[in-house]
């Protein structure tokens, strides 16, 4: 099946000359798993000091697997979309499968990122690493 063409987002959300994928637009306009989970969920917060984006990721872990997750982002369109995609990627994963997650996986989940927006995937990966550091044994 052919992929729909990328489109321009006007109004400065990504930049007037930036092309963004339909997947990124979908995750931005209809983000999944928005919100912070209450304890006993693990919640981590990471930031990108260069662009100022902040991602808070929550995960409820049961039997060694992520059974529920949520996110909050203060940042650009790409970071919001990537945070949404991240929650779909990590749901159901155990510690071993979380370690295998890459920035490329996150980029692919949003249909690709421009060079200016690749920081969004890096921010998500930082959150996964922070989550892994608190993952129960």
Protein backbone atom coordinates (compact mmCIF):
# COMPACT_ATOMS: atom_id res chain seq x y z
CA UNK A 1 0.00 0.00 0.00
CA UNK A 2 1.38 3.42 -0.93
CA UNK A 3 2.08 5.79 1.90
CA UNK A 4 0.20 9.12 1.84
CA UNK A 5 2.36 12.10 0.97
CA UNK A 6 3.87 14.27 3.68
CA UNK A 7 2.15 17.60 4.21
CA UNK A 8 3.07 21.09 5.32
CA UNK A 9 2.03 22.27 8.76
CA UNK A 10 1.53 26.00 8.75
CA UNK A 11 1.39 28.31 11.71
CA UNK A 12 4.87 27.50 12.94
CA UNK A 13 4.01 24.20 14.66
CA UNK A 14 6.93 22.45 12.99
CA UNK A 15 8.19 25.22 10.76
CA UNK A 16 6.68 26.59 7.60
CA UNK A 17 9.08 24.69 5.33
CA UNK A 18 9.04 21.39 7.23
CA UNK A 19 7.32 18.39 5.76
CA UNK A 20 5.74 16.07 8.28
CA UNK A 21 4.27 12.63 7.85
CA UNK A 22 0.61 11.73 8.25
CA UNK A 23 1.63 9.48 11.17
CA UNK A 24 3.23 12.41 13.01
CA UNK A 25 0.15 14.56 12.42
CA UNK A 26 -2.11 11.75 13.67
CA UNK A 27 -0.09 11.28 16.89
CA UNK A 28 0.02 15.05 17.43
CA UNK A 29 -3.68 15.63 16.85
CA UNK A 30 -4.84 12.47 18.64
CA UNK A 31 -2.14 11.60 21.17
CA UNK A 32 -2.43 8.24 22.87
CA UNK A 33 -2.05 7.53 26.58
CA UNK A 34 -1.92 11.17 27.68
CA UNK A 35 -1.51 11.75 31.37
CA UNK A 36 0.44 10.69 34.38
CA UNK A 37 -0.29 7.43 36.17
CA UNK A 38 -0.57 7.40 39.97
CA UNK A 39 1.67 5.23 42.17
CA UNK A 40 2.63 2.44 42.12
CA UNK A 41 3.51 3.45 38.56
CA UNK A 42 7.07 4.59 37.96
CA UNK A 43 7.30 8.15 36.67
CA UNK A 44 10.43 9.67 35.14
CA UNK A 45 11.09 13.11 33.72
CA UNK A 46 13.72 14.00 31.15
CA UNK A 47 14.50 17.21 29.33
CA UNK A 48 16.49 18.48 26.41
CA UNK A 49 18.44 21.51 27.62
CA UNK A 50 19.05 22.70 24.05
CA UNK A 51 15.42 23.00 22.93
CA UNK A 52 13.73 23.04 26.35
CA UNK A 53 11.37 20.12 25.69
CA UNK A 54 10.35 18.11 28.77
CA UNK A 55 8.89 14.59 28.73
CA UNK A 56 7.30 12.90 31.73
CA UNK A 57 6.75 9.16 31.23
CA UNK A 58 4.75 6.92 33.58
CA UNK A 59 4.64 3.14 33.46
CA UNK A 60 2.80 0.58 35.53
CA UNK A 61 4.80 -2.62 35.69
CA UNK A 62 3.20 -5.94 36.54
CA UNK A 63 4.93 -9.30 36.28
CA UNK A 64 7.97 -7.68 34.67
CA UNK A 65 5.97 -6.12 31.83
CA UNK A 66 4.66 -2.62 31.21
CA UNK A 67 0.91 -3.04 31.54
CA UNK A 68 -0.07 0.62 31.28
CA UNK A 69 1.76 3.82 30.40
CA UNK A 70 1.13 7.50 30.04
CA UNK A 71 3.02 10.64 29.07
CA UNK A 72 3.05 14.40 29.29
CA UNK A 73 5.17 16.63 27.08
CA UNK A 74 5.95 20.29 27.15
CA UNK A 75 7.51 20.86 23.79
CA UNK A 76 7.23 20.93 20.05
CA UNK A 77 4.87 19.06 17.76
CA UNK A 78 7.45 16.34 17.09
CA UNK A 79 8.03 15.73 20.81
CA UNK A 80 4.31 15.44 21.49
CA UNK A 81 3.85 12.99 18.60
CA UNK A 82 6.95 10.99 19.56
CA UNK A 83 5.77 10.76 23.18
CA UNK A 84 2.45 9.38 22.01
CA UNK A 85 4.13 6.85 19.73
CA UNK A 86 6.54 5.89 22.52
CA UNK A 87 3.70 4.81 24.78
CA UNK A 88 2.42 2.49 22.07
CA UNK A 89 5.90 1.08 21.51
CA UNK A 90 6.65 0.31 25.15
CA UNK A 91 3.26 -1.13 26.15
CA UNK A 92 3.62 -4.83 26.84
CA UNK A 93 7.43 -4.79 26.80
CA UNK A 94 9.68 -6.26 29.43
CA UNK A 95 13.08 -4.93 30.47
CA UNK A 96 14.96 -6.85 27.77
CA UNK A 97 12.71 -5.57 24.98
CA UNK A 98 12.85 -2.02 26.36
CA UNK A 99 16.65 -2.09 26.12
CA UNK A 100 16.38 -2.94 22.43
CA UNK A 101 14.29 0.16 21.61
CA UNK A 102 16.14 2.67 19.41
CA UNK A 103 15.65 6.25 18.32
CA UNK A 104 15.09 4.86 14.82
CA UNK A 105 12.14 2.79 16.13
CA UNK A 106 10.57 5.95 17.53
CA UNK A 107 11.22 7.89 14.32
CA UNK A 108 9.63 5.14 12.25
CA UNK A 109 6.57 5.10 14.53
CA UNK A 110 5.88 8.73 13.59
CA UNK A 111 6.68 8.25 9.90
CA UNK A 112 10.12 9.85 10.11
CA UNK A 113 11.51 13.04 11.57
CA UNK A 114 13.34 15.92 9.93
CA UNK A 115 16.89 16.63 11.07
CA UNK A 116 15.54 19.54 13.12
CA UNK A 117 13.11 17.23 14.93
CA UNK A 118 15.31 14.20 15.64
CA UNK A 119 15.75 15.51 19.18
CA UNK A 120 12.20 14.27 19.88
CA UNK A 121 13.22 10.63 19.40
CA UNK A 122 16.34 11.19 21.51
CA UNK A 123 14.20 12.66 24.30
CA UNK A 124 11.96 9.58 24.24
CA UNK A 125 14.96 7.28 24.36
CA UNK A 126 16.31 9.23 27.35
CA UNK A 127 12.98 8.61 29.09
CA UNK A 128 13.19 4.89 28.36
CA UNK A 129 16.71 4.77 29.83
CA UNK A 130 15.50 6.61 32.93
CA UNK A 131 12.59 4.17 33.23
CA UNK A 132 14.95 1.20 32.88
CA UNK A 133 17.04 2.57 35.75
CA UNK A 134 13.98 2.31 38.02
CA UNK A 135 12.53 -0.89 36.56
CA UNK A 136 11.93 -3.46 39.31
CA UNK A 137 14.13 -6.55 39.30
